[in-house]
Amino acid sequence: MAQHSEANYLHRMTPLFAIAKLGQVVPPDVVKSTFLPVLSTLYTDKVANIRMNVAKTIQEMNTN
């Protein structure tokens, strides 16, 4: 999860993919305490692709 603050945008994408998959199987308190801070940091990212993938990650966590 520490990669969300890397300079390379591809490194910032990695936690999003992990959160999308893990968010479906971990308890809600883990999502709230661990994943939401990362998502809240990345949703204001300067790279549009990162912001779009934050939205996709949230949608994927909500639909499954």
PDB file of N, CA and C in Angstrom:
ATOM      1  N   MET A   1       0.803  -1.200   0.000  1.00  0.00           N
ATOM      2  CA  MET A   1       0.000   0.000   0.000  1.00  0.00           C
ATOM      3  C   MET A   1       0.845   1.262   0.000  1.00  0.00           C
ATOM      4  N   ALA A   2       2.093   1.146   0.360  1.00  0.00           N
ATOM      5  CA  ALA A   2       2.955   2.324   0.418  1.00  0.00           C
ATOM      6  C   ALA A   2       3.260   2.888  -0.964  1.00  0.00           C
ATOM      7  N   GLN A   3       2.977   2.132  -2.002  1.00  0.00           N
ATOM      8  CA  GLN A   3       3.271   2.606  -3.349  1.00  0.00           C
ATOM      9  C   GLN A   3       2.344   3.725  -3.795  1.00  0.00           C
ATOM     10  N   HIS A   4       1.304   4.001  -3.060  1.00  0.00           N
ATOM     11  CA  HIS A   4       0.370   5.031  -3.508  1.00  0.00           C
ATOM     12  C   HIS A   4       0.988   6.423  -3.524  1.00  0.00           C
ATOM     13  N   SER A   5       2.182   6.571  -2.963  1.00  0.00           N
ATOM     14  CA  SER A   5       2.835   7.878  -2.980  1.00  0.00           C
ATOM     15  C   SER A   5       4.083   7.909  -3.865  1.00  0.00           C
ATOM     16  N   GLU A   6       4.281   6.897  -4.675  1.00  0.00           N
ATOM     17  CA  GLU A   6       5.427   6.836  -5.586  1.00  0.00           C
ATOM     18  C   GLU A   6       5.300   7.894  -6.691  1.00  0.00           C
ATOM     19  N   ALA A   7       6.425   8.270  -7.251  1.00  0.00           N
ATOM     20  CA  ALA A   7       6.427   9.266  -8.327  1.00  0.00           C
ATOM     21  C   ALA A   7       5.906   8.683  -9.641  1.00  0.00           C
ATOM     22  N   ASN A   8       6.217   7.444  -9.922  1.00  0.00           N
ATOM     23  CA  ASN A   8       5.784   6.799 -11.160  1.00  0.00           C
ATOM     24  C   ASN A   8       4.304   6.423 -11.048  1.00  0.00           C
ATOM     25  N   TYR A   9       3.508   6.864 -11.993  1.00  0.00           N
ATOM     26  CA  TYR A   9       2.073   6.627 -11.895  1.00  0.00           C
ATOM     27  C   TYR A   9       1.723   5.144 -11.968  1.00  0.00           C
ATOM     28  N   LEU A  10       2.523   4.356 -12.659  1.00  0.00           N
ATOM     29  CA  LEU A  10       2.252   2.913 -12.728  1.00  0.00           C
ATOM     30  C   LEU A  10       2.408   2.261 -11.356  1.00  0.00           C
ATOM     31  N   HIS A  11       3.310   2.780 -10.561  1.00  0.00           N
ATOM     32  CA  HIS A  11       3.473   2.265  -9.200  1.00  0.00           C
ATOM     33  C   HIS A  11       2.280   2.660  -8.332  1.00  0.00           C
ATOM     34  N   ARG A  12       1.678   3.791  -8.626  1.00  0.00           N
ATOM     35  CA  ARG A  12       0.491   4.214  -7.876  1.00  0.00           C
ATOM     36  C   ARG A  12      -0.739   3.401  -8.277  1.00  0.00           C
ATOM     37  N   MET A  13      -0.701   2.799  -9.462  1.00  0.00           N
ATOM     38  CA  MET A  13      -1.821   1.968  -9.907  1.00  0.00           C
ATOM     39  C   MET A  13      -1.855   0.624  -9.173  1.00  0.00           C
ATOM     40  N   THR A  14      -0.710   0.108  -8.786  1.00  0.00           N
ATOM     41  CA  THR A  14      -0.623  -1.213  -8.162  1.00  0.00           C
ATOM     42  C   THR A  14      -1.514  -1.343  -6.930  1.00  0.00           C
ATOM     43  N   PRO A  15      -1.483  -0.397  -5.991  1.00  0.00           N
ATOM     44  CA  PRO A  15      -2.391  -0.540  -4.840  1.00  0.00           C
ATOM     45  C   PRO A  15      -3.868  -0.533  -5.239  1.00  0.00           C
ATOM     46  N   LEU A  16      -4.200   0.181  -6.311  1.00  0.00           N
ATOM     47  CA  LEU A  16      -5.596   0.198  -6.746  1.00  0.00           C
ATOM     48  C   LEU A  16      -6.058  -1.182  -7.182  1.00  0.00           C
ATOM     49  N   PHE A  17      -5.213  -1.891  -7.915  1.00  0.00           N
ATOM     50  CA  PHE A  17      -5.575  -3.236  -8.347  1.00  0.00           C
ATOM     51  C   PHE A  17      -5.698  -4.174  -7.144  1.00  0.00           C
ATOM     52  N   ALA A  18      -4.813  -4.021  -6.187  1.00  0.00           N
ATOM     53  CA  ALA A  18      -4.868  -4.858  -4.979  1.00  0.00           C
ATOM     54  C   ALA A  18      -6.119  -4.548  -4.168  1.00  0.00           C
ATOM     55  N   ILE A  19      -6.425  -3.287  -4.005  1.00  0.00           N
ATOM     56  CA  ILE A  19      -7.615  -2.889  -3.237  1.00  0.00           C
ATOM     57  C   ILE A  19      -8.883  -3.398  -3.909  1.00  0.00           C
ATOM     58  N   ALA A  20      -8.932  -3.333  -5.228  1.00  0.00           N
ATOM     59  CA  ALA A  20     -10.126  -3.788  -5.956  1.00  0.00           C
ATOM     60  C   ALA A  20     -10.402  -5.257  -5.670  1.00  0.00           C
ATOM     61  N   LYS A  21      -9.367  -6.058  -5.622  1.00  0.00           N
ATOM     62  CA  LYS A  21      -9.547  -7.495  -5.380  1.00  0.00           C
ATOM     63  C   LYS A  21      -9.723  -7.804  -3.898  1.00  0.00           C
ATOM     64  N   LEU A  22      -8.893  -7.211  -3.061  1.00  0.00           N
ATOM     65  CA  LEU A  22      -8.964  -7.498  -1.625  1.00  0.00           C
ATOM     66  C   LEU A  22     -10.201  -6.886  -0.976  1.00  0.00           C
ATOM     67  N   GLY A  23     -10.677  -5.781  -1.520  1.00  0.00           N
ATOM     68  CA  GLY A  23     -11.845  -5.123  -0.955  1.00  0.00           C
ATOM     69  C   GLY A  23     -13.093  -5.982  -0.994  1.00  0.00           C
ATOM     70  N   GLN A  24     -13.077  -7.014  -1.804  1.00  0.00           N
ATOM     71  CA  GLN A  24     -14.227  -7.915  -1.913  1.00  0.00           C
ATOM     72  C   GLN A  24     -14.224  -8.991  -0.832  1.00  0.00           C
ATOM     73  N   VAL A  25     -13.077  -9.231  -0.205  1.00  0.00           N
ATOM     74  CA  VAL A  25     -12.978 -10.359   0.722  1.00  0.00           C
ATOM     75  C   VAL A  25     -12.573  -9.981   2.146  1.00  0.00           C
ATOM     76  N   VAL A  26     -12.091  -8.784   2.360  1.00  0.00           N
ATOM     77  CA  VAL A  26     -11.699  -8.387   3.711  1.00  0.00           C
ATOM     78  C   VAL A  26     -12.891  -7.761   4.433  1.00  0.00           C
ATOM     79  N   PRO A  27     -12.870  -7.767   5.759  1.00  0.00           N
ATOM     80  CA  PRO A  27     -13.975  -7.171   6.524  1.00  0.00           C
ATOM     81  C   PRO A  27     -14.095  -5.660   6.284  1.00  0.00           C
ATOM     82  N   PRO A  28     -15.287  -5.130   6.441  1.00  0.00           N
ATOM     83  CA  PRO A  28     -15.501  -3.695   6.207  1.00  0.00           C
ATOM     84  C   PRO A  28     -14.625  -2.781   7.065  1.00  0.00           C
ATOM     85  N   ASP A  29     -14.292  -3.189   8.269  1.00  0.00           N
ATOM     86  CA  ASP A  29     -13.455  -2.326   9.106  1.00  0.00           C
ATOM     87  C   ASP A  29     -12.042  -2.198   8.538  1.00  0.00           C
ATOM     88  N   VAL A  30     -11.553  -3.236   7.876  1.00  0.00           N
ATOM     89  CA  VAL A  30     -10.242  -3.167   7.220  1.00  0.00           C
ATOM     90  C   VAL A  30     -10.312  -2.241   6.011  1.00  0.00           C
ATOM     91  N   VAL A  31     -11.392  -2.342   5.270  1.00  0.00           N
ATOM     92  CA  VAL A  31     -11.577  -1.452   4.115  1.00  0.00           C
ATOM     93  C   VAL A  31     -11.567  -0.006   4.592  1.00  0.00           C
ATOM     94  N   LYS A  32     -12.289   0.264   5.648  1.00  0.00           N
ATOM     95  CA  LYS A  32     -12.394   1.631   6.156  1.00  0.00           C
ATOM     96  C   LYS A  32     -11.068   2.148   6.701  1.00  0.00           C
ATOM     97  N   SER A  33     -10.366   1.322   7.462  1.00  0.00           N
ATOM     98  CA  SER A  33      -9.148   1.800   8.116  1.00  0.00           C
ATOM     99  C   SER A  33      -7.917   1.765   7.215  1.00  0.00           C
ATOM    100  N   THR A  34      -7.870   0.856   6.262  1.00  0.00           N
ATOM    101  CA  THR A  34      -6.666   0.680   5.454  1.00  0.00           C
ATOM    102  C   THR A  34      -6.820   1.174   4.018  1.00  0.00           C
ATOM    103  N   PHE A  35      -7.929   0.849   3.395  1.00  0.00           N
ATOM    104  CA  PHE A  35      -8.079   1.140   1.970  1.00  0.00           C
ATOM    105  C   PHE A  35      -8.601   2.549   1.693  1.00  0.00           C
ATOM    106  N   LEU A  36      -9.528   3.024   2.492  1.00  0.00           N
ATOM    107  CA  LEU A  36     -10.093   4.350   2.219  1.00  0.00           C
ATOM    108  C   LEU A  36      -9.072   5.480   2.293  1.00  0.00           C
ATOM    109  N   PRO A  37      -8.112   5.446   3.232  1.00  0.00           N
ATOM    110  CA  PRO A  37      -7.092   6.507   3.205  1.00  0.00           C
ATOM    111  C   PRO A  37      -6.271   6.524   1.910  1.00  0.00           C
ATOM    112  N   VAL A  38      -5.976   5.365   1.377  1.00  0.00           N
ATOM    113  CA  VAL A  38      -5.231   5.282   0.115  1.00  0.00           C
ATOM    114  C   VAL A  38      -6.091   5.826  -1.021  1.00  0.00           C
ATOM    115  N   LEU A  39      -7.344   5.397  -1.065  1.00  0.00           N
ATOM    116  CA  LEU A  39      -8.247   5.868  -2.122  1.00  0.00           C
ATOM    117  C   LEU A  39      -8.472   7.376  -2.035  1.00  0.00           C
ATOM    118  N   SER A  40      -8.577   7.902  -0.827  1.00  0.00           N
ATOM    119  CA  SER A  40      -8.816   9.336  -0.688  1.00  0.00           C
ATOM    120  C   SER A  40      -7.599  10.151  -1.107  1.00  0.00           C
ATOM    121  N   THR A  41      -6.421   9.576  -0.988  1.00  0.00           N
ATOM    122  CA  THR A  41      -5.217  10.249  -1.478  1.00  0.00           C
ATOM    123  C   THR A  41      -5.152  10.214  -2.998  1.00  0.00           C
ATOM    124  N   LEU A  42      -5.474   9.055  -3.563  1.00  0.00           N
ATOM    125  CA  LEU A  42      -5.323   8.883  -5.008  1.00  0.00           C
ATOM    126  C   LEU A  42      -6.441   9.527  -5.826  1.00  0.00           C
ATOM    127  N   TYR A  43      -7.599   9.792  -5.229  1.00  0.00           N
ATOM    128  CA  TYR A  43      -8.676  10.370  -6.039  1.00  0.00           C
ATOM    129  C   TYR A  43      -8.399  11.824  -6.426  1.00  0.00           C
ATOM    130  N   THR A  44      -7.390  12.429  -5.813  1.00  0.00           N
ATOM    131  CA  THR A  44      -6.994  13.787  -6.194  1.00  0.00           C
ATOM    132  C   THR A  44      -5.689  13.793  -6.987  1.00  0.00           C
ATOM    133  N   ASP A  45      -5.276  12.641  -7.482  1.00  0.00           N
ATOM    134  CA  ASP A  45      -4.027  12.520  -8.216  1.00  0.00           C
ATOM    135  C   ASP A  45      -4.047  13.394  -9.469  1.00  0.00           C
ATOM    136  N   LYS A  46      -2.861  13.832  -9.883  1.00  0.00           N
ATOM    137  CA  LYS A  46      -2.770  14.700 -11.066  1.00  0.00           C
ATOM    138  C   LYS A  46      -2.970  13.932 -12.372  1.00  0.00           C
ATOM    139  N   VAL A  47      -2.824  12.607 -12.338  1.00  0.00           N
ATOM    140  CA  VAL A  47      -2.974  11.775 -13.531  1.00  0.00           C
ATOM    141  C   VAL A  47      -4.426  11.291 -13.622  1.00  0.00           C
ATOM    142  N   ALA A  48      -5.063  11.614 -14.722  1.00  0.00           N
ATOM    143  CA  ALA A  48      -6.475  11.263 -14.900  1.00  0.00           C
ATOM    144  C   ALA A  48      -6.704   9.759 -14.850  1.00  0.00           C
ATOM    145  N   ASN A  49      -5.779   8.978 -15.350  1.00  0.00           N
ATOM    146  CA  ASN A  49      -5.914   7.528 -15.348  1.00  0.00           C
ATOM    147  C   ASN A  49      -5.983   6.981 -13.922  1.00  0.00           C
ATOM    148  N   ILE A  50      -5.256   7.588 -13.027  1.00  0.00           N
ATOM    149  CA  ILE A  50      -5.301   7.176 -11.616  1.00  0.00           C
ATOM    150  C   ILE A  50      -6.687   7.488 -11.052  1.00  0.00           C
ATOM    151  N   ARG A  51      -7.176   8.686 -11.295  1.00  0.00           N
ATOM    152  CA  ARG A  51      -8.493   9.072 -10.778  1.00  0.00           C
ATOM    153  C   ARG A  51      -9.592   8.165 -11.321  1.00  0.00           C
ATOM    154  N   MET A  52      -9.497   7.826 -12.600  1.00  0.00           N
ATOM    155  CA  MET A  52     -10.487   6.936 -13.205  1.00  0.00           C
ATOM    156  C   MET A  52     -10.434   5.554 -12.556  1.00  0.00           C
ATOM    157  N   ASN A  53      -9.246   5.074 -12.281  1.00  0.00           N
ATOM    158  CA  ASN A  53      -9.115   3.764 -11.664  1.00  0.00           C
ATOM    159  C   ASN A  53      -9.538   3.757 -10.197  1.00  0.00           C
ATOM    160  N   VAL A  54      -9.468   4.881  -9.531  1.00  0.00           N
ATOM    161  CA  VAL A  54     -10.027   4.974  -8.177  1.00  0.00           C
ATOM    162  C   VAL A  54     -11.537   4.757  -8.253  1.00  0.00           C
ATOM    163  N   ALA A  55     -12.184   5.405  -9.209  1.00  0.00           N
ATOM    164  CA  ALA A  55     -13.630   5.230  -9.378  1.00  0.00           C
ATOM    165  C   ALA A  55     -13.972   3.784  -9.719  1.00  0.00           C
ATOM    166  N   LYS A  56     -13.197   3.171 -10.598  1.00  0.00           N
ATOM    167  CA  LYS A  56     -13.438   1.770 -10.960  1.00  0.00           C
ATOM    168  C   LYS A  56     -13.236   0.856  -9.757  1.00  0.00           C
ATOM    169  N   THR A  57     -12.240   1.150  -8.949  1.00  0.00           N
ATOM    170  CA  THR A  57     -11.966   0.344  -7.763  1.00  0.00           C
ATOM    171  C   THR A  57     -13.125   0.415  -6.787  1.00  0.00           C
ATOM    172  N   ILE A  58     -13.625   1.610  -6.549  1.00  0.00           N
ATOM    173  CA  ILE A  58     -14.764   1.773  -5.643  1.00  0.00           C
ATOM    174  C   ILE A  58     -15.984   1.055  -6.190  1.00  0.00           C
ATOM    175  N   GLN A  59     -16.223   1.171  -7.477  1.00  0.00           N
ATOM    176  CA  GLN A  59     -17.358   0.491  -8.087  1.00  0.00           C
ATOM    177  C   GLN A  59     -17.208  -1.018  -7.960  1.00  0.00           C
ATOM    178  N   GLU A  60     -16.025  -1.537  -8.197  1.00  0.00           N
ATOM    179  CA  GLU A  60     -15.811  -2.977  -8.116  1.00  0.00           C
ATOM    180  C   GLU A  60     -15.997  -3.486  -6.681  1.00  0.00           C
ATOM    181  N   MET A  61     -15.577  -2.696  -5.719  1.00  0.00           N
ATOM    182  CA  MET A  61     -15.772  -3.112  -4.317  1.00  0.00           C
ATOM    183  C   MET A  61     -17.251  -3.106  -3.949  1.00  0.00           C
ATOM    184  N   ASN A  62     -18.011  -2.176  -4.512  1.00  0.00           N
ATOM    185  CA  ASN A  62     -19.435  -2.065  -4.179  1.00  0.00           C
ATOM    186  C   ASN A  62     -20.297  -3.111  -4.873  1.00  0.00           C
ATOM    187  N   THR A  63     -19.889  -3.573  -6.038  1.00  0.00           N
ATOM    188  CA  THR A  63     -20.746  -4.480  -6.795  1.00  0.00           C
ATOM    189  C   THR A  63     -20.547  -5.932  -6.434  1.00  0.00           C
ATOM    190  N   ASN A  64     -19.467  -6.255  -5.762  1.00  0.00           N
ATOM    191  CA  ASN A  64     -19.206  -7.671  -5.434  1.00  0.00           C
ATOM    192  C   ASN A  64     -19.315  -7.947  -3.980  1.00  0.00           C
TER     193      ASN A  64
END
